[in-house]
PDB file of all heavy atoms in Angstrom:
ATOM      1  N   ALA A   1      17.526 -36.373  30.635  1.00  0.00           N
ATOM      2  CA  ALA A   1      16.798 -37.320  31.490  1.00  0.00           C
ATOM      3  C   ALA A   1      16.456 -36.727  32.848  1.00  0.00           C
ATOM      4  O   ALA A   1      15.671 -37.309  33.605  1.00  0.00           O
ATOM      5  CB  ALA A   1      17.616 -38.604  31.665  1.00  0.00           C
ATOM      6  N   LEU A   2      17.037 -35.569  33.178  1.00  0.00           N
ATOM      7  CA  LEU A   2      16.719 -34.889  34.436  1.00  0.00           C
ATOM      8  C   LEU A   2      15.618 -33.850  34.287  1.00  0.00           C
ATOM      9  O   LEU A   2      15.116 -33.339  35.293  1.00  0.00           O
ATOM     10  CB  LEU A   2      17.970 -34.191  34.991  1.00  0.00           C
ATOM     11  CG  LEU A   2      19.034 -35.064  35.639  1.00  0.00           C
ATOM     12  CD1 LEU A   2      20.240 -34.209  35.992  1.00  0.00           C
ATOM     13  CD2 LEU A   2      18.487 -35.746  36.877  1.00  0.00           C
ATOM     14  N   LEU A   3      15.255 -33.514  33.057  1.00  0.00           N
ATOM     15  CA  LEU A   3      14.350 -32.391  32.834  1.00  0.00           C
ATOM     16  C   LEU A   3      13.013 -32.501  33.573  1.00  0.00           C
ATOM     17  O   LEU A   3      12.480 -31.479  34.011  1.00  0.00           O
ATOM     18  CB  LEU A   3      14.108 -32.206  31.325  1.00  0.00           C
ATOM     19  CG  LEU A   3      15.315 -31.709  30.524  1.00  0.00           C
ATOM     20  CD1 LEU A   3      14.973 -31.648  29.041  1.00  0.00           C
ATOM     21  CD2 LEU A   3      15.771 -30.343  31.019  1.00  0.00           C
ATOM     22  N   PRO A   4      12.409 -33.684  33.739  1.00  0.00           N
ATOM     23  CA  PRO A   4      11.130 -33.719  34.457  1.00  0.00           C
ATOM     24  C   PRO A   4      11.252 -33.496  35.960  1.00  0.00           C
ATOM     25  O   PRO A   4      10.230 -33.368  36.647  1.00  0.00           O
ATOM     26  CB  PRO A   4      10.614 -35.144  34.176  1.00  0.00           C
ATOM     27  CG  PRO A   4      11.387 -35.642  33.005  1.00  0.00           C
ATOM     28  CD  PRO A   4      12.729 -34.990  33.135  1.00  0.00           C
ATOM     29  N   HIS A   5      12.481 -33.423  36.480  1.00  0.00           N
ATOM     30  CA  HIS A   5      12.676 -33.430  37.928  1.00  0.00           C
ATOM     31  C   HIS A   5      13.149 -32.068  38.435  1.00  0.00           C
ATOM     32  O   HIS A   5      13.881 -31.362  37.733  1.00  0.00           O
ATOM     33  CB  HIS A   5      13.699 -34.514  38.298  1.00  0.00           C
ATOM     34  CG  HIS A   5      13.321 -35.864  37.784  1.00  0.00           C
ATOM     35  ND1 HIS A   5      12.365 -36.650  38.374  1.00  0.00           N
ATOM     36  CD2 HIS A   5      13.745 -36.559  36.681  1.00  0.00           C
ATOM     37  CE1 HIS A   5      12.222 -37.769  37.690  1.00  0.00           C
ATOM     38  NE2 HIS A   5      13.047 -37.739  36.651  1.00  0.00           N
ATOM     39  N   PRO A   6      12.782 -31.702  39.643  1.00  0.00           N
ATOM     40  CA  PRO A   6      13.134 -30.374  40.194  1.00  0.00           C
ATOM     41  C   PRO A   6      14.546 -30.325  40.758  1.00  0.00           C
ATOM     42  O   PRO A   6      14.775 -29.874  41.874  1.00  0.00           O
ATOM     43  CB  PRO A   6      12.086 -30.178  41.292  1.00  0.00           C
ATOM     44  CG  PRO A   6      11.804 -31.556  41.777  1.00  0.00           C
ATOM     45  CD  PRO A   6      11.874 -32.440  40.552  1.00  0.00           C
ATOM     46  N   ILE A   7      15.497 -30.808  40.006  1.00  0.00           N
ATOM     47  CA  ILE A   7      16.907 -30.752  40.392  1.00  0.00           C
ATOM     48  C   ILE A   7      17.715 -30.574  39.124  1.00  0.00           C
ATOM     49  O   ILE A   7      17.398 -31.157  38.080  1.00  0.00           O
ATOM     50  CB  ILE A   7      17.334 -32.022  41.163  1.00  0.00           C
ATOM     51  CG1 ILE A   7      18.760 -31.865  41.694  1.00  0.00           C
ATOM     52  CG2 ILE A   7      17.201 -33.270  40.293  1.00  0.00           C
ATOM     53  CD1 ILE A   7      19.137 -32.936  42.695  1.00  0.00           C
ATOM     54  N   GLN A   8      18.730 -29.729  39.188  1.00  0.00           N
ATOM     55  CA  GLN A   8      19.450 -29.366  37.982  1.00  0.00           C
ATOM     56  C   GLN A   8      20.696 -30.228  37.784  1.00  0.00           C
ATOM     57  O   GLN A   8      21.235 -30.805  38.734  1.00  0.00           O
ATOM     58  CB  GLN A   8      19.849 -27.881  38.039  1.00  0.00           C
ATOM     59  CG  GLN A   8      18.672 -26.957  38.257  1.00  0.00           C
ATOM     60  CD  GLN A   8      17.572 -27.154  37.235  1.00  0.00           C
ATOM     61  OE1 GLN A   8      17.852 -27.482  36.077  1.00  0.00           O
ATOM     62  NE2 GLN A   8      16.329 -26.977  37.643  1.00  0.00           N
ATOM     63  N   TYR A   9      21.140 -30.258  36.535  1.00  0.00           N
ATOM     64  CA  TYR A   9      22.268 -31.118  36.150  1.00  0.00           C
ATOM     65  C   TYR A   9      23.513 -30.806  36.974  1.00  0.00           C
ATOM     66  O   TYR A   9      24.217 -31.701  37.399  1.00  0.00           O
ATOM     67  CB  TYR A   9      22.554 -30.918  34.659  1.00  0.00           C
ATOM     68  CG  TYR A   9      23.655 -31.794  34.129  1.00  0.00           C
ATOM     69  CD1 TYR A   9      23.401 -33.112  33.767  1.00  0.00           C
ATOM     70  CD2 TYR A   9      24.947 -31.306  33.985  1.00  0.00           C
ATOM     71  CE1 TYR A   9      24.403 -33.927  33.273  1.00  0.00           C
ATOM     72  CE2 TYR A   9      25.953 -32.109  33.495  1.00  0.00           C
ATOM     73  CZ  TYR A   9      25.679 -33.414  33.140  1.00  0.00           C
ATOM     74  OH  TYR A   9      26.682 -34.203  32.660  1.00  0.00           O
ATOM     75  N   ARG A  10      23.810 -29.537  37.196  1.00  0.00           N
ATOM     76  CA  ARG A  10      25.031 -29.160  37.888  1.00  0.00           C
ATOM     77  C   ARG A  10      24.780 -28.878  39.365  1.00  0.00           C
ATOM     78  O   ARG A  10      25.559 -28.206  40.032  1.00  0.00           O
ATOM     79  CB  ARG A  10      25.668 -27.939  37.211  1.00  0.00           C
ATOM     80  CG  ARG A  10      25.994 -28.172  35.746  1.00  0.00           C
ATOM     81  CD  ARG A  10      26.727 -26.994  35.164  1.00  0.00           C
ATOM     82  NE  ARG A  10      28.051 -26.857  35.739  1.00  0.00           N
ATOM     83  CZ  ARG A  10      29.126 -27.522  35.321  1.00  0.00           C
ATOM     84  NH1 ARG A  10      29.016 -28.383  34.332  1.00  0.00           N
ATOM     85  NH2 ARG A  10      30.285 -27.340  35.885  1.00  0.00           N
ATOM     86  N   SER A  11      23.672 -29.394  39.904  1.00  0.00           N
ATOM     87  CA  SER A  11      23.333 -29.161  41.300  1.00  0.00           C
ATOM     88  C   SER A  11      24.368 -29.800  42.221  1.00  0.00           C
ATOM     89  O   SER A  11      24.812 -30.924  41.984  1.00  0.00           O
ATOM     90  CB  SER A  11      21.944 -29.748  41.606  1.00  0.00           C
ATOM     91  OG  SER A  11      21.717 -29.761  42.994  1.00  0.00           O
ATOM     92  N   PRO A  12      24.752 -29.095  43.312  1.00  0.00           N
ATOM     93  CA  PRO A  12      25.665 -29.718  44.277  1.00  0.00           C
ATOM     94  C   PRO A  12      25.014 -30.875  45.026  1.00  0.00           C
ATOM     95  O   PRO A  12      25.700 -31.617  45.725  1.00  0.00           O
ATOM     96  CB  PRO A  12      26.003 -28.555  45.226  1.00  0.00           C
ATOM     97  CG  PRO A  12      24.864 -27.608  45.087  1.00  0.00           C
ATOM     98  CD  PRO A  12      24.417 -27.711  43.657  1.00  0.00           C
ATOM     99  N   ARG A  13      23.700 -31.032  44.881  1.00  0.00           N
ATOM    100  CA  ARG A  13      23.001 -32.128  45.560  1.00  0.00           C
ATOM    101  C   ARG A  13      22.978 -33.404  44.734  1.00  0.00           C
ATOM    102  O   ARG A  13      22.396 -34.401  45.147  1.00  0.00           O
ATOM    103  CB  ARG A  13      21.563 -31.713  45.885  1.00  0.00           C
ATOM    104  CG  ARG A  13      21.461 -30.506  46.803  1.00  0.00           C
ATOM    105  CD  ARG A  13      20.008 -30.231  47.153  1.00  0.00           C
ATOM    106  NE  ARG A  13      19.216 -29.926  45.976  1.00  0.00           N
ATOM    107  CZ  ARG A  13      17.897 -30.123  45.893  1.00  0.00           C
ATOM    108  NH1 ARG A  13      17.245 -30.677  46.904  1.00  0.00           N
ATOM    109  NH2 ARG A  13      17.249 -29.789  44.808  1.00  0.00           N
ATOM    110  N   LEU A  14      23.583 -33.375  43.569  1.00  0.00           N
ATOM    111  CA  LEU A  14      23.494 -34.518  42.670  1.00  0.00           C
ATOM    112  C   LEU A  14      24.860 -34.843  42.089  1.00  0.00           C
ATOM    113  O   LEU A  14      25.568 -33.967  41.604  1.00  0.00           O
ATOM    114  CB  LEU A  14      22.512 -34.208  41.530  1.00  0.00           C
ATOM    115  CG  LEU A  14      22.126 -35.369  40.614  1.00  0.00           C
ATOM    116  CD1 LEU A  14      21.239 -36.354  41.356  1.00  0.00           C
ATOM    117  CD2 LEU A  14      21.402 -34.840  39.376  1.00  0.00           C
ATOM    118  N   SER A  15      25.224 -36.103  42.144  1.00  0.00           N
ATOM    119  CA  SER A  15      26.440 -36.577  41.500  1.00  0.00           C
ATOM    120  C   SER A  15      26.063 -37.169  40.151  1.00  0.00           C
ATOM    121  O   SER A  15      25.217 -38.061  40.066  1.00  0.00           O
ATOM    122  CB  SER A  15      27.120 -37.633  42.370  1.00  0.00           C
ATOM    123  OG  SER A  15      28.259 -38.156  41.730  1.00  0.00           O
ATOM    124  N   VAL A  16      26.668 -36.660  39.081  1.00  0.00           N
ATOM    125  CA  VAL A  16      26.351 -37.085  37.714  1.00  0.00           C
ATOM    126  C   VAL A  16      27.618 -37.591  37.049  1.00  0.00           C
ATOM    127  O   VAL A  16      28.675 -36.968  37.139  1.00  0.00           O
ATOM    128  CB  VAL A  16      25.750 -35.927  36.898  1.00  0.00           C
ATOM    129  CG1 VAL A  16      25.466 -36.372  35.467  1.00  0.00           C
ATOM    130  CG2 VAL A  16      24.477 -35.407  37.546  1.00  0.00           C
ATOM    131  N   ALA A  17      27.517 -38.724  36.367  1.00  0.00           N
ATOM    132  CA  ALA A  17      28.665 -39.259  35.633  1.00  0.00           C
ATOM    133  C   ALA A  17      28.154 -40.066  34.440  1.00  0.00           C
ATOM    134  O   ALA A  17      27.214 -40.859  34.573  1.00  0.00           O
ATOM    135  CB  ALA A  17      29.526 -40.143  36.527  1.00  0.00           C
ATOM    136  N   SER A  18      28.782 -39.861  33.288  1.00  0.00           N
ATOM    137  CA  SER A  18      28.444 -40.679  32.123  1.00  0.00           C
ATOM    138  C   SER A  18      28.921 -42.103  32.359  1.00  0.00           C
ATOM    139  O   SER A  18      30.031 -42.324  32.843  1.00  0.00           O
ATOM    140  CB  SER A  18      29.117 -40.115  30.866  1.00  0.00           C
ATOM    141  OG  SER A  18      28.697 -38.795  30.617  1.00  0.00           O
ATOM    142  N   LEU A  19      28.084 -43.074  32.007  1.00  0.00           N
ATOM    143  CA  LEU A  19      28.430 -44.487  32.171  1.00  0.00           C
ATOM    144  C   LEU A  19      28.843 -45.111  30.843  1.00  0.00           C
ATOM    145  O   LEU A  19      29.879 -45.753  30.749  1.00  0.00           O
ATOM    146  CB  LEU A  19      27.254 -45.249  32.774  1.00  0.00           C
ATOM    147  CG  LEU A  19      26.838 -44.824  34.184  1.00  0.00           C
ATOM    148  CD1 LEU A  19      25.581 -45.560  34.610  1.00  0.00           C
ATOM    149  CD2 LEU A  19      27.965 -45.075  35.179  1.00  0.00           C
ATOM    150  N   ASP A  20      28.005 -44.963  29.832  1.00  0.00           N
ATOM    151  CA  ASP A  20      28.353 -45.482  28.515  1.00  0.00           C
ATOM    152  C   ASP A  20      27.758 -44.579  27.449  1.00  0.00           C
ATOM    153  O   ASP A  20      26.852 -43.788  27.708  1.00  0.00           O
ATOM    154  CB  ASP A  20      27.922 -46.936  28.340  1.00  0.00           C
ATOM    155  CG  ASP A  20      26.421 -47.142  28.492  1.00  0.00           C
ATOM    156  OD1 ASP A  20      25.757 -46.304  29.129  1.00  0.00           O
ATOM    157  OD2 ASP A  20      25.900 -48.132  27.963  1.00  0.00           O
ATOM    158  N   HIS A  21      28.306 -44.698  26.240  1.00  0.00           N
ATOM    159  CA  HIS A  21      27.957 -43.779  25.155  1.00  0.00           C
ATOM    160  C   HIS A  21      28.060 -44.553  23.851  1.00  0.00           C
ATOM    161  O   HIS A  21      29.117 -45.120  23.549  1.00  0.00           O
ATOM    162  CB  HIS A  21      28.944 -42.602  25.157  1.00  0.00           C
ATOM    163  CG  HIS A  21      28.561 -41.451  24.289  1.00  0.00           C
ATOM    164  ND1 HIS A  21      27.972 -40.306  24.786  1.00  0.00           N
ATOM    165  CD2 HIS A  21      28.706 -41.241  22.957  1.00  0.00           C
ATOM    166  CE1 HIS A  21      27.773 -39.443  23.805  1.00  0.00           C
ATOM    167  NE2 HIS A  21      28.212 -39.989  22.676  1.00  0.00           N
ATOM    168  N   ALA A  22      26.986 -44.592  23.106  1.00  0.00           N
ATOM    169  CA  ALA A  22      26.972 -45.286  21.816  1.00  0.00           C
ATOM    170  C   ALA A  22      26.591 -44.292  20.722  1.00  0.00           C
ATOM    171  O   ALA A  22      25.752 -43.412  20.941  1.00  0.00           O
ATOM    172  CB  ALA A  22      25.985 -46.455  21.831  1.00  0.00           C
ATOM    173  N   MET A  23      27.199 -44.473  19.564  1.00  0.00           N
ATOM    174  CA  MET A  23      26.992 -43.506  18.491  1.00  0.00           C
ATOM    175  C   MET A  23      27.071 -44.215  17.147  1.00  0.00           C
ATOM    176  O   MET A  23      27.927 -45.076  16.932  1.00  0.00           O
ATOM    177  CB  MET A  23      28.071 -42.424  18.590  1.00  0.00           C
ATOM    178  CG  MET A  23      27.815 -41.177  17.799  1.00  0.00           C
ATOM    179  SD  MET A  23      28.937 -39.867  18.388  1.00  0.00           S
ATOM    180  CE  MET A  23      28.350 -38.509  17.382  1.00  0.00           C
ATOM    181  N   TRP A  24      26.157 -43.845  16.255  1.00  0.00           N
ATOM    182  CA  TRP A  24      26.135 -44.387  14.898  1.00  0.00           C
ATOM    183  C   TRP A  24      26.247 -43.211  13.933  1.00  0.00           C
ATOM    184  O   TRP A  24      25.471 -42.256  13.998  1.00  0.00           O
ATOM    185  CB  TRP A  24      24.844 -45.154  14.634  1.00  0.00           C
ATOM    186  CG  TRP A  24      24.715 -46.397  15.458  1.00  0.00           C
ATOM    187  CD1 TRP A  24      25.026 -47.681  15.105  1.00  0.00           C
ATOM    188  CD2 TRP A  24      24.236 -46.485  16.815  1.00  0.00           C
ATOM    189  NE1 TRP A  24      24.775 -48.547  16.141  1.00  0.00           N
ATOM    190  CE2 TRP A  24      24.284 -47.842  17.208  1.00  0.00           C
ATOM    191  CE3 TRP A  24      23.761 -45.543  17.745  1.00  0.00           C
ATOM    192  CZ2 TRP A  24      23.891 -48.275  18.466  1.00  0.00           C
ATOM    193  CZ3 TRP A  24      23.372 -45.963  19.011  1.00  0.00           C
ATOM    194  CH2 TRP A  24      23.440 -47.324  19.350  1.00  0.00           C
ATOM    195  N   PHE A  25      27.222 -43.288  13.025  1.00  0.00           N
ATOM    196  CA  PHE A  25      27.472 -42.221  12.055  1.00  0.00           C
ATOM    197  C   PHE A  25      26.808 -42.605  10.733  1.00  0.00           C
ATOM    198  O   PHE A  25      27.151 -43.620  10.125  1.00  0.00           O
ATOM    199  CB  PHE A  25      28.973 -42.044  11.854  1.00  0.00           C
ATOM    200  CG  PHE A  25      29.725 -41.665  13.109  1.00  0.00           C
ATOM    201  CD1 PHE A  25      30.288 -42.651  13.911  1.00  0.00           C
ATOM    202  CD2 PHE A  25      29.874 -40.345  13.477  1.00  0.00           C
ATOM    203  CE1 PHE A  25      30.993 -42.320  15.060  1.00  0.00           C
ATOM    204  CE2 PHE A  25      30.572 -39.994  14.629  1.00  0.00           C
ATOM    205  CZ  PHE A  25      31.126 -40.992  15.425  1.00  0.00           C
ATOM    206  N   HIS A  26      25.870 -41.783  10.293  1.00  0.00           N
ATOM    207  CA  HIS A  26      25.119 -42.097   9.071  1.00  0.00           C
ATOM    208  C   HIS A  26      25.660 -41.375   7.838  1.00  0.00           C
ATOM    209  O   HIS A  26      25.575 -41.899   6.726  1.00  0.00           O
ATOM    210  CB  HIS A  26      23.643 -41.738   9.266  1.00  0.00           C
ATOM    211  CG  HIS A  26      23.048 -42.284  10.520  1.00  0.00           C
ATOM    212  ND1 HIS A  26      23.080 -43.635  10.831  1.00  0.00           N
ATOM    213  CD2 HIS A  26      22.428 -41.681  11.572  1.00  0.00           C
ATOM    214  CE1 HIS A  26      22.485 -43.831  11.997  1.00  0.00           C
ATOM    215  NE2 HIS A  26      22.092 -42.667  12.463  1.00  0.00           N
ATOM    216  N   HIS A  27      26.176 -40.172   8.021  1.00  0.00           N
ATOM    217  CA  HIS A  27      26.733 -39.377   6.920  1.00  0.00           C
ATOM    218  C   HIS A  27      27.939 -38.602   7.442  1.00  0.00           C
ATOM    219  O   HIS A  27      28.008 -38.283   8.636  1.00  0.00           O
ATOM    220  CB  HIS A  27      25.694 -38.395   6.357  1.00  0.00           C
ATOM    221  CG  HIS A  27      24.531 -39.054   5.686  1.00  0.00           C
ATOM    222  ND1 HIS A  27      24.617 -39.649   4.444  1.00  0.00           N
ATOM    223  CD2 HIS A  27      23.244 -39.220   6.087  1.00  0.00           C
ATOM    224  CE1 HIS A  27      23.430 -40.154   4.109  1.00  0.00           C
ATOM    225  NE2 HIS A  27      22.595 -39.906   5.090  1.00  0.00           N
ATOM    226  N   PRO A  28      28.877 -38.277   6.567  1.00  0.00           N
ATOM    227  CA  PRO A  28      30.035 -37.486   7.015  1.00  0.00           C
ATOM    228  C   PRO A  28      29.592 -36.128   7.558  1.00  0.00           C
ATOM    229  O   PRO A  28      28.813 -35.418   6.909  1.00  0.00           O
ATOM    230  CB  PRO A  28      30.874 -37.322   5.742  1.00  0.00           C
ATOM    231  CG  PRO A  28      30.445 -38.454   4.853  1.00  0.00           C
ATOM    232  CD  PRO A  28      28.996 -38.673   5.146  1.00  0.00           C
ATOM    233  N   PRO A  29      30.055 -35.757   8.735  1.00  0.00           N
ATOM    234  CA  PRO A  29      29.636 -34.474   9.317  1.00  0.00           C
ATOM    235  C   PRO A  29      30.539 -33.324   8.886  1.00  0.00           C
ATOM    236  O   PRO A  29      31.668 -33.522   8.443  1.00  0.00           O
ATOM    237  CB  PRO A  29      29.791 -34.726  10.820  1.00  0.00           C
ATOM    238  CG  PRO A  29      30.944 -35.681  10.907  1.00  0.00           C
ATOM    239  CD  PRO A  29      30.850 -36.558   9.681  1.00  0.00           C
ATOM    240  N   HIS A  30      30.014 -32.123   9.044  1.00  0.00           N
ATOM    241  CA  HIS A  30      30.779 -30.885   8.923  1.00  0.00           C
ATOM    242  C   HIS A  30      30.460 -30.076  10.173  1.00  0.00           C
ATOM    243  O   HIS A  30      29.475 -29.331  10.218  1.00  0.00           O
ATOM    244  CB  HIS A  30      30.415 -30.125   7.646  1.00  0.00           C
ATOM    245  CG  HIS A  30      30.766 -30.876   6.392  1.00  0.00           C
ATOM    246  ND1 HIS A  30      32.048 -30.918   5.890  1.00  0.00           N
ATOM    247  CD2 HIS A  30      30.003 -31.635   5.569  1.00  0.00           C
ATOM    248  CE1 HIS A  30      32.067 -31.674   4.793  1.00  0.00           C
ATOM    249  NE2 HIS A  30      30.846 -32.123   4.586  1.00  0.00           N
ATOM    250  N   CYS A  31      31.292 -30.240  11.183  1.00  0.00           N
ATOM    251  CA  CYS A  31      30.965 -29.718  12.504  1.00  0.00           C
ATOM    252  C   CYS A  31      31.087 -28.207  12.617  1.00  0.00           C
ATOM    253  O   CYS A  31      30.643 -27.629  13.610  1.00  0.00           O
ATOM    254  CB  CYS A  31      31.845 -30.383  13.560  1.00  0.00           C
ATOM    255  SG  CYS A  31      31.532 -32.152  13.722  1.00  0.00           S
ATOM    256  N   ASP A  32      31.691 -27.562  11.608  1.00  0.00           N
ATOM    257  CA  ASP A  32      31.750 -26.105  11.652  1.00  0.00           C
ATOM    258  C   ASP A  32      30.423 -25.476  11.278  1.00  0.00           C
ATOM    259  O   ASP A  32      30.195 -24.292  11.546  1.00  0.00           O
ATOM    260  CB  ASP A  32      32.847 -25.599  10.714  1.00  0.00           C
ATOM    261  CG  ASP A  32      32.691 -26.154   9.306  1.00  0.00           C
ATOM    262  OD1 ASP A  32      32.774 -27.389   9.155  1.00  0.00           O
ATOM    263  OD2 ASP A  32      32.482 -25.371   8.365  1.00  0.00           O
ATOM    264  N   ASP A  33      29.515 -26.241  10.665  1.00  0.00           N
ATOM    265  CA  ASP A  33      28.179 -25.736  10.359  1.00  0.00           C
ATOM    266  C   ASP A  33      27.226 -26.200  11.456  1.00  0.00           C
ATOM    267  O   ASP A  33      27.474 -27.183  12.159  1.00  0.00           O
ATOM    268  CB  ASP A  33      27.705 -26.230   8.987  1.00  0.00           C
ATOM    269  CG  ASP A  33      26.557 -25.392   8.442  1.00  0.00           C
ATOM    270  OD1 ASP A  33      26.163 -24.414   9.105  1.00  0.00           O
ATOM    271  OD2 ASP A  33      26.046 -25.722   7.354  1.00  0.00           O
ATOM    272  N   TRP A  34      26.117 -25.484  11.581  1.00  0.00           N
ATOM    273  CA  TRP A  34      25.166 -25.775  12.651  1.00  0.00           C
ATOM    274  C   TRP A  34      24.521 -27.142  12.482  1.00  0.00           C
ATOM    275  O   TRP A  34      24.127 -27.529  11.384  1.00  0.00           O
ATOM    276  CB  TRP A  34      24.074 -24.715  12.692  1.00  0.00           C
ATOM    277  CG  TRP A  34      24.543 -23.358  13.127  1.00  0.00           C
ATOM    278  CD1 TRP A  34      24.747 -22.272  12.331  1.00  0.00           C
ATOM    279  CD2 TRP A  34      24.863 -22.950  14.460  1.00  0.00           C
ATOM    280  NE1 TRP A  34      25.183 -21.211  13.084  1.00  0.00           N
ATOM    281  CE2 TRP A  34      25.259 -21.593  14.396  1.00  0.00           C
ATOM    282  CE3 TRP A  34      24.862 -23.606  15.691  1.00  0.00           C
ATOM    283  CZ2 TRP A  34      25.640 -20.871  15.528  1.00  0.00           C
ATOM    284  CZ3 TRP A  34      25.242 -22.889  16.819  1.00  0.00           C
ATOM    285  CH2 TRP A  34      25.624 -21.540  16.737  1.00  0.00           C
ATOM    286  N   LEU A  35      24.430 -27.864  13.596  1.00  0.00           N
ATOM    287  CA  LEU A  35      23.714 -29.135  13.676  1.00  0.00           C
ATOM    288  C   LEU A  35      22.647 -29.013  14.745  1.00  0.00           C
ATOM    289  O   LEU A  35      22.896 -28.442  15.817  1.00  0.00           O
ATOM    290  CB  LEU A  35      24.669 -30.272  14.031  1.00  0.00           C
ATOM    291  CG  LEU A  35      25.782 -30.576  13.023  1.00  0.00           C
ATOM    292  CD1 LEU A  35      26.838 -31.468  13.665  1.00  0.00           C
ATOM    293  CD2 LEU A  35      25.208 -31.232  11.778  1.00  0.00           C
ATOM    294  N   LEU A  36      21.480 -29.542  14.483  1.00  0.00           N
ATOM    295  CA  LEU A  36      20.429 -29.566  15.502  1.00  0.00           C
ATOM    296  C   LEU A  36      20.560 -30.850  16.307  1.00  0.00           C
ATOM    297  O   LEU A  36      20.575 -31.946  15.743  1.00  0.00           O
ATOM    298  CB  LEU A  36      19.035 -29.510  14.860  1.00  0.00           C
ATOM    299  CG  LEU A  36      17.901 -29.476  15.895  1.00  0.00           C
ATOM    300  CD1 LEU A  36      17.827 -28.127  16.589  1.00  0.00           C
ATOM    301  CD2 LEU A  36      16.556 -29.826  15.248  1.00  0.00           C
TER     302      LEU A  36
END
């Protein structure tokens, strides 16, 4: 969500914090193989 803006995620000028996170699992994963 920061990509269009001229400030980076880890910039000392910006405070970033996750607020909420939602996830839906559709199939069993195998995390040792590559996921896009």
